[in-house]
Amino acid sequence: MQLSGRRVLITGASSGIGRAAVRAFVAEGAVVLAVARSEPELRGISAELGGASKVVPLPCDVTDGPAMERMAREVLARWGAPDVIVANAGVGLDARFEAMTDDALRTVFEVNVFGVVRTIRPFLPAMTARKSGRILIVSSVVGKRGVPNYSAYAGSKFALHGMADSLRSELVGTGVSVGIVCPSSTTTQFQSRIRREGPPQVRTRVKKHSAESVARALVSMARSKRRERILSPEAKLLNGLNRLAPGLLDWFLAKALMRRA
C-alpha cells in the first residue's frame, strides 16, 4: 500500500507511540485521523504538522462505547472508512496476581481489549465493502509470553492475538488484512503512567527502544500484509526461549524480575 493521500486512523494519538505514529504517517503523505482523550494535545500536534488537512483531531475515549460509535459515524460520513487503522491506545498495570483488584483488571481490559474492538468493529462493513484496508494492532511482547507482575496487561495483550487470528479468518477474501506489532519496553510516558498495586519490586529492565522506532515499524507494516512483527532482539529471544524451554524461562524471570525492593 502506498500511503500518500491515504487516511489513517490512530488511537492513543496524543502521546508516546501514538504521537510518534502520527508524525511518521504524516511524513509519508497520509492524512491522520487522530483519536485520544486530550483535545488540547490533539490540536497541538495538528497545528505542529500542518493543521486539519494533515491531522484531524478527534477527541474521544476508547472506553466510552457510545462516544466511539459517534466518532465512527462522523468519520464514515465525512471520509468513508479509513485505509489504515492503528489500534494503539493502552494502559498498564504493575501488580502481583494476588494483589490485583477486580476494578484494576477491568480497567486494563476496558482499554486494551474493548477499546481495540470499539476502534475496529464500526469500520469493518465499509472496509470489506470497499475490498481494501489494513488493520494494525499494537500489542506487546508480553502478549506472547507473560512476565511477573504483569498478568493483567499480559492477559489483555494475549486476548488481542486470539481475536486477531479469528478476525483474519473472517476476513479471508475481503481485501482487508490484520497485523500485530509487538514492542517490548519503550521510552515513552507509558511507564510513568502504569498503575501499581501491592509491594514494590526491583526489576532488571532490558534496553528500551524509542517510540519513533515503533512508529517506523507501524508504517512498514501498513505497507505490507505481514501478520506479526516482534521488534527488539530481547523480545525475540524471550519468545524463542518460551517455545524451547518455558520452565527455564520461568526460573530466569523469577530471579531477574522479582527481587523485593
Protein backbone atom coordinates (compact mmCIF):
# COMPACT_ATOMS: atom_id res chain seq x y z
CA MET A 1 0.00 0.00 0.00
CA GLN A 2 1.25 3.46 -0.91
CA LEU A 3 0.45 5.78 1.99
CA SER A 4 0.40 9.16 0.26
CA GLY A 5 -3.14 10.52 0.36
CA ARG A 6 -4.41 7.61 2.47
CA ARG A 7 -6.47 8.15 5.61
CA VAL A 8 -5.01 6.56 8.73
CA LEU A 9 -6.95 6.42 12.00
CA ILE A 10 -4.74 6.20 15.10
CA THR A 11 -5.93 5.82 18.70
CA GLY A 12 -3.83 6.92 21.66
CA ALA A 13 -2.55 9.60 19.29
CA SER A 14 -1.76 12.32 21.82
CA SER A 15 1.39 10.79 23.34
CA GLY A 16 4.02 8.07 23.15
CA ILE A 17 3.86 5.56 20.32
CA GLY A 18 0.61 7.05 19.02
CA ARG A 19 2.02 10.55 18.73
CA ALA A 20 5.17 9.23 17.04
CA ALA A 21 2.95 7.25 14.64
CA VAL A 22 1.00 10.39 13.74
CA ARG A 23 4.26 12.09 12.75
CA ALA A 24 5.51 9.06 10.84
CA PHE A 25 2.35 8.61 8.77
CA VAL A 26 2.08 12.34 8.01
CA ALA A 27 5.70 12.23 6.82
CA GLU A 28 4.60 9.55 4.34
CA GLY A 29 1.88 11.84 2.97
CA ALA A 30 -1.05 10.28 4.80
CA VAL A 31 -3.90 12.20 6.41
CA VAL A 32 -4.20 11.11 10.03
CA LEU A 33 -7.46 10.90 11.95
CA ALA A 34 -6.05 11.29 15.46
CA VAL A 35 -8.09 9.86 18.34
CA ALA A 36 -7.29 10.44 22.02
CA ARG A 37 -8.90 11.82 25.16
CA SER A 38 -6.93 15.08 25.25
CA GLU A 39 -8.30 17.59 22.78
CA PRO A 40 -5.58 20.20 23.54
CA GLU A 41 -2.84 17.66 22.81
CA LEU A 42 -4.51 16.62 19.57
CA ARG A 43 -4.95 20.20 18.44
CA GLY A 44 -1.33 20.88 19.32
CA ILE A 45 0.06 18.08 17.16
CA SER A 46 -2.36 19.01 14.37
CA ALA A 47 -1.07 22.60 14.39
CA GLU A 48 2.52 21.36 14.56
CA LEU A 49 2.13 19.14 11.50
CA GLY A 50 0.17 21.42 9.19
CA GLY A 51 -3.37 21.67 10.50
CA ALA A 52 -6.52 19.69 9.86
CA SER A 53 -5.54 18.94 6.26
CA LYS A 54 -2.79 16.73 7.72
CA VAL A 55 -4.04 15.73 11.19
CA VAL A 56 -7.75 15.73 12.06
CA PRO A 57 -8.26 15.90 15.85
CA LEU A 58 -10.99 13.51 17.03
CA PRO A 59 -11.22 13.76 20.84
CA CYS A 60 -12.70 10.52 22.14
CA ASP A 61 -12.18 7.97 24.92
CA VAL A 62 -11.92 4.36 23.74
CA THR A 63 -13.65 3.23 26.96
CA ASP A 64 -16.78 5.23 26.05
CA GLY A 65 -18.73 2.97 23.71
CA PRO A 66 -21.41 5.47 22.59
CA ALA A 67 -18.78 8.18 22.01
CA MET A 68 -16.68 5.80 19.88
CA GLU A 69 -19.77 4.92 17.84
CA ARG A 70 -20.49 8.62 17.25
CA MET A 71 -16.88 9.20 16.23
CA ALA A 72 -17.01 6.30 13.79
CA ARG A 73 -20.25 7.56 12.24
CA GLU A 74 -18.68 11.01 11.78
CA VAL A 75 -15.60 9.53 10.11
CA LEU A 76 -17.67 7.30 7.81
CA ALA A 77 -19.96 10.18 6.84
CA ARG A 78 -17.13 12.62 6.10
CA TRP A 79 -14.36 10.42 4.70
CA GLY A 80 -15.54 6.86 4.44
CA ALA A 81 -13.67 4.00 6.05
CA PRO A 82 -10.00 4.62 6.91
CA ASP A 83 -7.45 2.95 4.68
CA VAL A 84 -5.41 2.02 7.76
CA ILE A 85 -6.50 1.67 11.39
CA VAL A 86 -3.84 1.70 14.12
CA ALA A 87 -5.41 0.48 17.37
CA ASN A 88 -2.78 1.75 19.77
CA ALA A 89 -4.44 3.10 22.93
CA GLY A 90 -3.43 1.12 26.00
CA VAL A 91 -2.84 1.14 29.75
CA GLY A 92 -0.67 -0.96 32.04
CA LEU A 93 -0.97 -2.49 35.50
CA ASP A 94 2.02 -3.46 37.63
CA ALA A 95 0.73 -5.82 40.32
CA ARG A 96 1.30 -9.30 41.69
CA PHE A 97 -1.59 -11.58 40.75
CA GLU A 98 -2.58 -11.93 44.40
CA ALA A 99 -2.66 -8.15 44.90
CA MET A 100 -4.57 -7.30 41.73
CA THR A 101 -8.08 -5.93 42.27
CA ASP A 102 -11.07 -6.67 40.07
CA ASP A 103 -11.52 -2.96 39.31
CA ALA A 104 -7.90 -2.61 38.16
CA LEU A 105 -8.20 -5.69 35.95
CA ARG A 106 -11.43 -4.38 34.40
CA THR A 107 -9.77 -1.05 33.63
CA VAL A 108 -6.94 -2.76 31.75
CA PHE A 109 -9.31 -4.89 29.68
CA GLU A 110 -11.69 -1.98 29.07
CA VAL A 111 -8.91 0.00 27.37
CA ASN A 112 -6.65 -2.69 25.91
CA VAL A 113 -9.30 -5.11 24.65
CA PHE A 114 -12.71 -3.45 24.44
CA GLY A 115 -11.05 -0.23 23.26
CA VAL A 116 -9.47 -2.09 20.35
CA VAL A 117 -12.79 -3.73 19.47
CA ARG A 118 -14.56 -0.35 19.53
CA THR A 119 -11.85 1.09 17.30
CA ILE A 120 -12.04 -1.58 14.60
CA ARG A 121 -15.56 -3.00 14.57
CA PRO A 122 -17.56 0.04 13.33
CA PHE A 123 -15.40 0.33 10.20
CA LEU A 124 -15.32 -3.33 9.11
CA PRO A 125 -18.51 -3.31 6.98
CA ALA A 126 -17.32 -0.32 4.94
CA MET A 127 -13.78 -1.71 4.62
CA THR A 128 -14.97 -5.10 3.41
CA ALA A 129 -17.48 -3.49 1.02
CA ARG A 130 -14.61 -1.45 -0.44
CA LYS A 131 -12.50 -4.64 -0.54
CA SER A 132 -9.42 -2.98 0.93
CA GLY A 133 -7.96 -1.93 4.24
CA ARG A 134 -5.23 -2.62 6.74
CA ILE A 135 -5.81 -3.08 10.47
CA LEU A 136 -2.82 -2.78 12.80
CA ILE A 137 -2.97 -3.64 16.49
CA VAL A 138 -0.26 -2.52 18.91
CA SER A 139 0.31 -5.42 21.27
CA SER A 140 3.45 -6.23 23.29
CA VAL A 141 5.99 -8.98 23.69
CA VAL A 142 4.08 -9.87 26.88
CA GLY A 143 1.21 -10.77 24.57
CA LYS A 144 3.47 -13.65 23.52
CA ARG A 145 4.89 -14.50 26.95
CA GLY A 146 3.69 -13.19 30.31
CA VAL A 147 6.15 -11.80 32.85
CA PRO A 148 5.93 -11.36 36.63
CA ASN A 149 3.67 -8.57 37.93
CA TYR A 150 2.01 -8.04 34.55
CA SER A 151 -0.64 -10.76 34.48
CA ALA A 152 -3.44 -8.26 33.75
CA TYR A 153 -1.52 -6.50 31.00
CA ALA A 154 -0.29 -9.77 29.51
CA GLY A 155 -3.79 -11.24 29.63
CA SER A 156 -5.19 -8.27 27.73
CA LYS A 157 -2.49 -8.49 25.07
CA PHE A 158 -2.87 -12.27 24.69
CA ALA A 159 -6.57 -11.60 24.05
CA LEU A 160 -5.66 -9.32 21.15
CA HIS A 161 -3.63 -12.05 19.46
CA GLY A 162 -6.52 -14.52 19.74
CA MET A 163 -9.01 -12.01 18.37
CA ALA A 164 -6.67 -11.06 15.52
CA ASP A 165 -6.31 -14.70 14.49
CA SER A 166 -10.08 -15.14 14.43
CA LEU A 167 -10.59 -11.88 12.57
CA ARG A 168 -8.05 -12.83 9.90
CA SER A 169 -10.04 -15.98 9.14
CA GLU A 170 -13.27 -14.00 8.95
CA LEU A 171 -11.67 -11.52 6.54
CA VAL A 172 -10.21 -14.02 4.06
CA GLY A 173 -11.07 -12.88 0.55
CA THR A 174 -12.28 -9.42 1.60
CA GLY A 175 -9.11 -7.47 0.81
CA VAL A 176 -8.78 -6.41 4.48
CA SER A 177 -5.76 -7.67 6.42
CA VAL A 178 -4.73 -7.65 10.09
CA GLY A 179 -1.23 -7.16 11.51
CA ILE A 180 0.10 -7.03 15.07
CA VAL A 181 3.19 -5.15 16.24
CA CYS A 182 4.84 -6.32 19.48
CA PRO A 183 7.18 -3.80 21.11
CA SER A 184 8.98 -4.53 24.36
CA SER A 185 9.97 -1.75 26.80
CA THR A 186 9.62 1.58 25.01
CA THR A 187 10.85 5.01 26.04
CA THR A 188 7.52 6.83 26.41
CA GLN A 189 5.30 8.29 29.13
CA PHE A 190 3.55 4.90 29.29
CA GLN A 191 5.87 3.55 32.02
CA SER A 192 5.31 6.57 34.27
CA ARG A 193 1.52 6.17 33.92
CA ILE A 194 1.34 2.47 34.79
CA ARG A 195 -0.89 1.84 37.79
CA ARG A 196 0.89 -0.05 40.54
CA GLU A 197 -0.62 -2.17 43.31
CA GLY A 198 0.98 -4.21 46.08
CA PRO A 199 4.60 -4.26 47.27
CA PRO A 200 7.23 -2.57 45.10
CA GLN A 201 9.64 -4.69 43.10
CA VAL A 202 13.17 -4.06 41.90
CA ARG A 203 13.27 -5.02 38.24
CA THR A 204 16.00 -5.53 35.72
CA ARG A 205 14.86 -3.77 32.55
CA VAL A 206 16.01 -4.61 29.08
CA LYS A 207 17.18 -1.78 26.88
CA LYS A 208 14.23 0.34 25.78
CA HIS A 209 13.58 1.22 22.18
CA SER A 210 12.13 4.53 21.07
CA ALA A 211 8.55 5.41 20.20
CA GLU A 212 9.88 6.50 16.82
CA SER A 213 11.24 3.02 16.09
CA VAL A 214 7.82 1.52 16.85
CA ALA A 215 6.20 4.14 14.60
CA ARG A 216 8.55 3.21 11.76
CA ALA A 217 7.57 -0.43 12.22
CA LEU A 218 3.89 0.54 12.02
CA VAL A 219 4.49 2.40 8.75
CA SER A 220 6.32 -0.63 7.37
CA MET A 221 3.52 -2.95 8.49
CA ALA A 222 0.91 -0.66 6.90
CA ARG A 223 2.61 -1.12 3.54
CA SER A 224 2.65 -4.91 3.82
CA LYS A 225 0.35 -7.80 4.65
CA ARG A 226 2.69 -9.20 7.28
CA ARG A 227 0.82 -10.84 10.14
CA GLU A 228 3.10 -10.05 13.06
CA ARG A 229 6.30 -8.24 13.92
CA ILE A 230 8.26 -8.61 17.17
CA LEU A 231 10.52 -5.60 17.34
CA SER A 232 13.50 -5.94 19.65
CA PRO A 233 16.19 -8.66 19.80
CA GLU A 234 15.41 -9.12 23.51
CA ALA A 235 11.73 -9.69 22.73
CA LYS A 236 12.58 -12.20 20.01
CA LEU A 237 14.87 -14.01 22.46
CA LEU A 238 12.13 -14.09 25.10
CA ASN A 239 9.66 -15.51 22.61
CA GLY A 240 12.15 -18.09 21.35
CA LEU A 241 13.12 -19.25 24.85
CA ASN A 242 9.47 -19.58 25.77
CA ARG A 243 8.97 -22.02 22.90
CA LEU A 244 12.12 -24.03 23.62
CA ALA A 245 12.42 -24.01 27.43
CA PRO A 246 9.44 -22.42 29.17
CA GLY A 247 10.34 -23.84 32.60
CA LEU A 248 13.85 -22.41 32.41
CA LEU A 249 12.39 -19.06 31.39
CA ASP A 250 10.04 -19.16 34.41
CA TRP A 251 13.07 -19.55 36.67
CA PHE A 252 15.04 -16.82 34.93
CA LEU A 253 12.21 -14.29 35.05
CA ALA A 254 11.58 -15.02 38.73
CA LYS A 255 15.27 -14.43 39.53
CA ALA A 256 15.71 -11.40 37.29
CA LEU A 257 12.45 -9.56 37.82
CA MET A 258 11.06 -10.45 41.21
CA ARG A 259 13.63 -9.23 43.71
CA ARG A 260 11.88 -7.43 46.57
CA ALA A 261 12.61 -3.71 46.98
